[in-house]
Amino acid sequence: MKIMLFDAKPYDRLYFEEANKDFGFEISYTDSTLSEHTAILASGYDAVCPFVDCTVDKKVIDTLKNEGVKIIALRSAGYNNVDYHYAESLSIPVVRVPAYSPHAVAEHSFALLLAIVRKLTHAYVRTREFNFSLNGLVGFDLNGKTIGIIGTGKIGKAAISIAKGFGMKVLAYDPFPSAIKGVEFTDLDTLLQQSDIVSLYCPLTNDNKHMINRGTLKMMKPSAVIVNTSRGALIDSEALLDALKEKKIRAAALDVYEEETGIFYTDQSDTGIEDDTLARLISMPNVIITSHQGYLTEEALRAISQTTLSNIREFAEGRELTNLVK
């Protein structure tokens, strides 16, 4: 099997080369994002491996088919960026990595939460300038607060465990709830109205795009903090910006953004960004944004590479595809 790995960063190469010692595939790497303009790079390859910021639509899939690609192996859990129905119609299976390290994302969400709640970024900048004043750095305890967990899959469950460790009351919303000790499941409106922190851990679907919008933001407490480490389009970014400006919520901690493609994972420090909404969010003192790095731990990268190559080996050997998107 010959594999073309798109949007490859140095850390991707490192962990895939390490994992490939057990598989022996021929892997090529390109830092280009898979798109209708770059799909031709897959010519002569059996498999392509795109990342979450690659748009794998009908045009891309047609090109991949024409160039002889037999399988699309996502190295992510999410697959909303792939027209997998169309790929299936052309007999090109789409496989994914359903779980790598749920703890990585859950822990990052609490790192963001603590950073915004305790104003750590402001404190860091001050002390770098030898300013040791504490004025304006008053935060609040997580202990005793109510956190609303939206999505109780593996990452959501890991977040619930962390929240309990802080002594927080946990409310949860999930279309398919399952009994979790010490967690009160409720409807979304009630969760938004009662939570001091709202944290999202759900995949993006056609049904939940912009689930956090002008209407739902109005339901939240003015003192509430929203955290999103899932998918950017779960939140209407312009509505969030307005809610922050109008002090309808206290703060936001984001690892994702709905228009992050072409911005996140790139260095734009010399040019700046043209997305005014993102630029304004970044400039706000009560917002912290990271560049979709919630998954970026040694353990997660190792699991992603191992599972991705295992998925391709199953296909090469004609076995049932454990992680087929269907």
Protein backbone atom coordinates (compact mmCIF):
# COMPACT_ATOMS: atom_id res chain seq x y z
CA MET A 1 0.00 0.00 0.00
CA LYS A 2 1.19 3.47 -0.95
CA ILE A 3 -0.17 6.25 1.26
CA MET A 4 -0.20 10.02 0.65
CA LEU A 5 -0.54 11.92 3.92
CA PHE A 6 -1.89 15.43 3.34
CA ASP A 7 -1.44 18.47 5.57
CA ALA A 8 1.51 16.76 7.22
CA LYS A 9 3.20 18.61 10.06
CA PRO A 10 6.58 17.65 11.55
CA TYR A 11 4.88 15.89 14.47
CA ASP A 12 2.69 13.88 12.05
CA ARG A 13 5.76 12.61 10.21
CA LEU A 14 7.50 11.71 13.46
CA TYR A 15 4.68 9.60 14.86
CA PHE A 16 3.63 8.01 11.56
CA GLU A 17 7.21 6.98 10.83
CA GLU A 18 7.45 5.47 14.29
CA ALA A 19 4.15 3.59 13.88
CA ASN A 20 4.96 2.45 10.34
CA LYS A 21 7.83 0.31 11.63
CA ASP A 22 5.12 -2.23 12.50
CA PHE A 23 3.35 -1.96 9.13
CA GLY A 24 5.91 -1.40 6.38
CA PHE A 25 3.76 0.84 4.17
CA GLU A 26 5.20 3.33 1.70
CA ILE A 27 4.18 6.73 3.08
CA SER A 28 4.71 10.07 1.37
CA TYR A 29 4.03 13.40 3.03
CA THR A 30 2.91 16.78 1.76
CA ASP A 31 2.16 19.92 3.72
CA SER A 32 -0.56 20.73 1.18
CA THR A 33 -4.16 20.51 2.34
CA LEU A 34 -6.26 18.06 0.34
CA SER A 35 -8.55 20.01 -2.00
CA GLU A 36 -9.74 19.94 -5.59
CA HIS A 37 -6.48 21.68 -6.56
CA THR A 38 -4.14 19.30 -4.74
CA ALA A 39 -5.95 15.97 -5.09
CA ILE A 40 -3.83 15.24 -8.17
CA LEU A 41 -0.89 14.72 -5.80
CA ALA A 42 -2.51 11.41 -4.87
CA SER A 43 -1.88 10.00 -8.35
CA GLY A 44 -0.44 6.51 -8.03
CA TYR A 45 -1.32 6.13 -4.36
CA ASP A 46 -3.68 3.54 -2.89
CA ALA A 47 -4.73 5.59 0.13
CA VAL A 48 -4.96 9.22 1.13
CA CYS A 49 -4.85 10.45 4.69
CA PRO A 50 -6.42 13.91 5.15
CA PHE A 51 -6.86 15.92 8.33
CA VAL A 52 -9.85 17.84 9.72
CA ASP A 53 -9.17 21.02 7.74
CA CYS A 54 -9.26 19.20 4.40
CA THR A 55 -12.52 19.47 2.44
CA VAL A 56 -13.14 16.13 0.76
CA ASP A 57 -16.15 16.92 -1.43
CA LYS A 58 -17.43 15.38 -4.67
CA LYS A 59 -14.84 17.13 -6.85
CA VAL A 60 -12.02 15.90 -4.66
CA ILE A 61 -13.40 12.37 -4.49
CA ASP A 62 -13.85 12.25 -8.28
CA THR A 63 -10.20 13.20 -8.74
CA LEU A 64 -9.07 10.65 -6.15
CA LYS A 65 -11.09 7.95 -7.92
CA ASN A 66 -9.61 8.86 -11.29
CA GLU A 67 -6.10 8.75 -9.85
CA GLY A 68 -6.58 5.24 -8.48
CA VAL A 69 -7.11 5.96 -4.78
CA LYS A 70 -8.93 3.08 -3.12
CA ILE A 71 -9.49 4.30 0.46
CA ILE A 72 -9.74 7.58 2.38
CA ALA A 73 -8.21 7.17 5.83
CA LEU A 74 -9.05 10.10 8.11
CA ARG A 75 -6.67 10.68 10.98
CA SER A 76 -9.41 12.30 13.05
CA ALA A 77 -12.62 11.36 14.81
CA GLY A 78 -14.78 13.92 13.03
CA TYR A 79 -15.85 13.34 9.44
CA ASN A 80 -18.19 16.27 8.70
CA ASN A 81 -15.62 17.54 6.18
CA VAL A 82 -16.03 14.44 3.97
CA ASP A 83 -18.87 13.53 1.60
CA TYR A 84 -18.70 9.91 2.69
CA HIS A 85 -22.03 9.05 1.04
CA TYR A 86 -20.61 10.00 -2.35
CA ALA A 87 -17.36 8.17 -1.63
CA GLU A 88 -19.35 5.06 -0.74
CA SER A 89 -21.25 5.31 -4.03
CA LEU A 90 -17.88 5.11 -5.83
CA SER A 91 -16.79 2.13 -3.68
CA ILE A 92 -14.19 4.21 -1.83
CA PRO A 93 -14.48 3.45 1.89
CA VAL A 94 -13.89 6.21 4.43
CA VAL A 95 -12.36 5.17 7.73
CA ARG A 96 -11.59 7.27 10.78
CA VAL A 97 -9.99 7.27 14.22
CA PRO A 98 -13.03 7.23 16.53
CA ALA A 99 -11.02 7.53 19.74
CA TYR A 100 -7.38 8.39 20.34
CA SER A 101 -7.08 10.07 23.71
CA PRO A 102 -10.33 11.44 25.07
CA HIS A 103 -8.36 12.64 28.08
CA ALA A 104 -6.23 14.90 25.87
CA VAL A 105 -9.20 16.95 24.67
CA ALA A 106 -11.00 16.91 28.02
CA GLU A 107 -7.89 18.04 29.88
CA HIS A 108 -7.26 20.80 27.33
CA SER A 109 -10.79 22.11 27.82
CA PHE A 110 -10.12 22.48 31.54
CA ALA A 111 -6.73 24.05 30.86
CA LEU A 112 -8.53 26.68 28.78
CA LEU A 113 -11.21 27.08 31.43
CA LEU A 114 -8.69 27.61 34.22
CA ALA A 115 -6.66 30.00 32.08
CA ILE A 116 -9.67 32.23 31.38
CA VAL A 117 -11.22 31.95 34.86
CA ARG A 118 -7.95 32.72 36.70
CA LYS A 119 -6.76 35.22 34.03
CA LEU A 120 -3.48 33.39 33.60
CA THR A 121 -2.62 34.90 30.22
CA HIS A 122 -2.84 38.42 31.68
CA ALA A 123 -0.79 37.39 34.71
CA TYR A 124 1.87 35.80 32.49
CA VAL A 125 2.26 38.93 30.37
CA ARG A 126 2.48 41.12 33.47
CA THR A 127 5.18 39.14 35.22
CA ARG A 128 7.21 38.96 32.00
CA GLU A 129 7.29 42.76 32.26
CA PHE A 130 8.10 42.57 36.02
CA ASN A 131 4.63 43.85 36.88
CA PHE A 132 3.52 41.89 39.94
CA SER A 133 0.29 43.78 40.64
CA LEU A 134 -2.79 41.62 41.22
CA ASN A 135 -5.28 44.34 40.32
CA GLY A 136 -7.81 43.08 37.76
CA LEU A 137 -6.84 39.43 38.19
CA VAL A 138 -9.67 38.30 40.47
CA GLY A 139 -11.08 34.95 39.31
CA PHE A 140 -13.57 32.50 40.80
CA ASP A 141 -13.58 28.97 42.20
CA LEU A 142 -14.69 26.03 40.09
CA ASN A 143 -15.60 24.14 43.24
CA GLY A 144 -19.33 24.31 43.84
CA LYS A 145 -20.11 25.69 40.39
CA THR A 146 -22.45 23.99 37.92
CA ILE A 147 -20.95 22.79 34.64
CA GLY A 148 -23.14 21.87 31.70
CA ILE A 149 -21.63 19.09 29.57
CA ILE A 150 -23.06 18.93 26.05
CA GLY A 151 -22.22 15.52 24.60
CA THR A 152 -21.41 12.55 26.83
CA GLY A 153 -19.30 10.37 24.57
CA LYS A 154 -15.80 9.32 25.61
CA ILE A 155 -14.47 12.88 25.75
CA GLY A 156 -17.56 14.14 27.56
CA LYS A 157 -17.26 11.36 30.13
CA ALA A 158 -13.57 12.22 30.67
CA ALA A 159 -14.58 15.86 31.22
CA ILE A 160 -17.25 14.80 33.70
CA SER A 161 -14.65 12.92 35.71
CA ILE A 162 -12.42 16.00 35.83
CA ALA A 163 -15.34 18.24 36.79
CA LYS A 164 -16.21 15.96 39.69
CA GLY A 165 -12.61 16.19 40.83
CA PHE A 166 -13.05 19.95 41.11
CA GLY A 167 -16.19 19.43 43.17
CA MET A 168 -18.54 20.75 40.51
CA LYS A 169 -22.20 19.92 40.02
CA VAL A 170 -22.63 18.28 36.61
CA LEU A 171 -25.59 18.75 34.29
CA ALA A 172 -25.51 16.97 30.94
CA TYR A 173 -27.35 17.01 27.65
CA ASP A 174 -27.12 14.30 25.01
CA PRO A 175 -29.70 13.11 22.46
CA PHE A 176 -28.79 9.58 23.54
CA PRO A 177 -28.28 9.82 27.31
CA SER A 178 -26.84 6.99 29.35
CA ALA A 179 -26.84 6.71 33.12
CA ILE A 180 -23.71 8.25 34.64
CA LYS A 181 -23.33 8.31 38.39
CA GLY A 182 -23.50 11.79 39.85
CA VAL A 183 -24.71 13.39 36.59
CA GLU A 184 -28.12 14.92 36.05
CA PHE A 185 -29.32 14.71 32.44
CA THR A 186 -31.62 17.49 31.34
CA ASP A 187 -32.80 19.30 28.22
CA LEU A 188 -30.54 21.82 26.50
CA ASP A 189 -32.51 24.90 27.56
CA THR A 190 -32.38 23.96 31.24
CA LEU A 191 -28.67 23.20 31.01
CA LEU A 192 -27.93 26.60 29.47
CA GLN A 193 -30.06 28.44 32.02
CA GLN A 194 -28.54 26.78 35.09
CA SER A 195 -24.88 26.29 34.20
CA ASP A 196 -22.01 28.51 35.28
CA ILE A 197 -19.80 26.85 32.66
CA VAL A 198 -21.07 25.35 29.40
CA SER A 199 -18.62 22.98 27.69
CA LEU A 200 -19.16 21.28 24.32
CA TYR A 201 -18.00 17.73 23.56
CA CYS A 202 -20.18 16.69 20.62
CA PRO A 203 -19.63 16.02 16.90
CA LEU A 204 -20.92 18.45 14.29
CA THR A 205 -24.02 17.28 12.44
CA ASN A 206 -26.63 18.89 10.21
CA ASP A 207 -28.92 19.06 13.23
CA ASN A 208 -26.66 20.83 15.70
CA LYS A 209 -24.85 23.43 13.58
CA HIS A 210 -24.99 26.74 15.49
CA MET A 211 -26.66 25.08 18.45
CA ILE A 212 -25.11 27.96 20.40
CA ASN A 213 -26.70 30.98 18.71
CA ARG A 214 -28.25 34.32 19.58
CA GLY A 215 -31.30 32.64 21.08
CA THR A 216 -29.47 30.09 23.19
CA LEU A 217 -26.84 32.61 24.31
CA LYS A 218 -29.64 34.74 25.76
CA MET A 219 -30.61 31.81 27.99
CA MET A 220 -27.19 31.70 29.65
CA LYS A 221 -26.22 33.48 32.83
CA PRO A 222 -24.38 36.81 32.39
CA SER A 223 -21.66 35.23 34.57
CA ALA A 224 -21.38 32.08 32.44
CA VAL A 225 -18.29 30.88 30.59
CA ILE A 226 -18.52 28.85 27.37
CA VAL A 227 -15.85 26.33 26.36
CA ASN A 228 -15.63 24.63 22.97
CA THR A 229 -13.05 21.97 22.09
CA SER A 230 -15.28 20.08 19.63
CA ARG A 231 -16.18 21.72 16.31
CA GLY A 232 -16.25 25.43 15.59
CA ALA A 233 -19.57 25.49 13.76
CA LEU A 234 -21.40 24.36 16.90
CA ILE A 235 -21.23 28.06 17.82
CA ASP A 236 -22.42 31.01 15.76
CA SER A 237 -19.22 33.06 16.06
CA GLU A 238 -20.78 36.44 15.29
CA ALA A 239 -23.51 35.82 17.87
CA LEU A 240 -20.85 34.84 20.41
CA LEU A 241 -18.88 38.01 19.69
CA ASP A 242 -21.97 40.16 20.20
CA ALA A 243 -22.87 38.34 23.42
CA LEU A 244 -19.40 38.99 24.81
CA LYS A 245 -19.45 42.64 23.76
CA GLU A 246 -22.87 43.15 25.33
CA LYS A 247 -21.80 41.26 28.50
CA LYS A 248 -24.52 38.66 28.10
CA ILE A 249 -21.92 36.04 29.07
CA ARG A 250 -18.69 36.41 31.04
CA ALA A 251 -16.06 34.76 28.85
CA ALA A 252 -15.25 32.21 26.14
CA ALA A 253 -12.48 29.63 25.82
CA LEU A 254 -12.18 28.14 22.34
CA ASP A 255 -9.94 25.55 20.69
CA VAL A 256 -11.97 25.57 17.47
CA TYR A 257 -13.53 28.15 15.15
CA GLU A 258 -16.14 27.65 12.44
CA GLU A 259 -14.00 29.28 9.72
CA GLU A 260 -10.66 27.94 10.92
CA THR A 261 -9.71 26.24 7.63
CA GLY A 262 -6.80 28.09 6.08
CA ILE A 263 -6.03 29.89 9.35
CA PHE A 264 -5.45 27.32 12.07
CA TYR A 265 -2.29 25.20 11.77
CA THR A 266 -0.57 28.02 9.84
CA ASP A 267 1.78 30.85 10.83
CA GLN A 268 0.17 34.15 9.90
CA SER A 269 2.14 36.31 12.32
CA ASP A 270 3.67 38.34 9.49
CA THR A 271 0.48 38.89 7.49
CA GLY A 272 -2.35 38.96 10.03
CA ILE A 273 -5.77 37.46 9.30
CA GLU A 274 -8.62 38.72 7.16
CA ASP A 275 -11.36 37.16 9.29
CA ASP A 276 -12.64 40.16 11.23
CA THR A 277 -14.78 38.10 13.62
CA LEU A 278 -11.87 35.91 14.67
CA ALA A 279 -9.54 38.89 14.95
CA ARG A 280 -11.99 40.67 17.24
CA LEU A 281 -12.51 37.57 19.38
CA ILE A 282 -8.74 37.16 19.78
CA SER A 283 -8.41 40.81 20.82
CA MET A 284 -10.95 40.55 23.64
CA PRO A 285 -9.57 40.30 27.19
CA ASN A 286 -12.19 37.74 28.22
CA VAL A 287 -11.51 35.32 25.35
CA ILE A 288 -8.78 32.72 24.99
CA ILE A 289 -8.29 30.86 21.70
CA THR A 290 -5.94 28.01 20.84
CA SER A 291 -5.39 26.60 17.37
CA HIS A 292 -7.27 23.28 17.53
CA GLN A 293 -4.57 21.69 19.66
CA GLY A 294 -6.77 19.83 22.12
CA TYR A 295 -5.68 16.48 20.69
CA LEU A 296 -1.99 17.37 20.57
CA THR A 297 -0.38 15.07 23.11
CA GLU A 298 2.19 12.32 22.70
CA GLU A 299 -0.37 9.69 23.63
CA ALA A 300 -2.97 10.95 21.18
CA LEU A 301 -0.55 11.31 18.26
CA ARG A 302 0.73 7.79 18.85
CA ALA A 303 -2.82 6.39 18.94
CA ILE A 304 -3.87 8.33 15.83
CA SER A 305 -0.99 7.01 13.75
CA GLN A 306 -1.41 3.43 14.96
CA THR A 307 -5.18 3.36 14.36
CA THR A 308 -4.93 5.04 10.96
CA LEU A 309 -2.40 2.53 9.70
CA SER A 310 -4.37 -0.35 11.23
CA ASN A 311 -7.43 0.84 9.31
CA ILE A 312 -5.47 0.78 6.07
CA ARG A 313 -4.04 -2.67 6.82
CA GLU A 314 -7.55 -4.04 7.37
CA PHE A 315 -8.49 -2.76 3.92
CA ALA A 316 -5.32 -4.12 2.31
CA GLU A 317 -5.98 -7.56 3.78
CA GLY A 318 -9.64 -7.55 2.74
CA ARG A 319 -10.91 -7.66 6.30
CA GLU A 320 -13.98 -6.00 7.77
CA LEU A 321 -13.29 -2.31 8.39
CA THR A 322 -13.62 -1.69 12.11
CA ASN A 323 -13.79 2.10 11.85
CA LEU A 324 -15.75 2.50 8.62
CA VAL A 325 -17.82 5.68 8.32
CA LYS A 326 -21.22 4.64 7.05
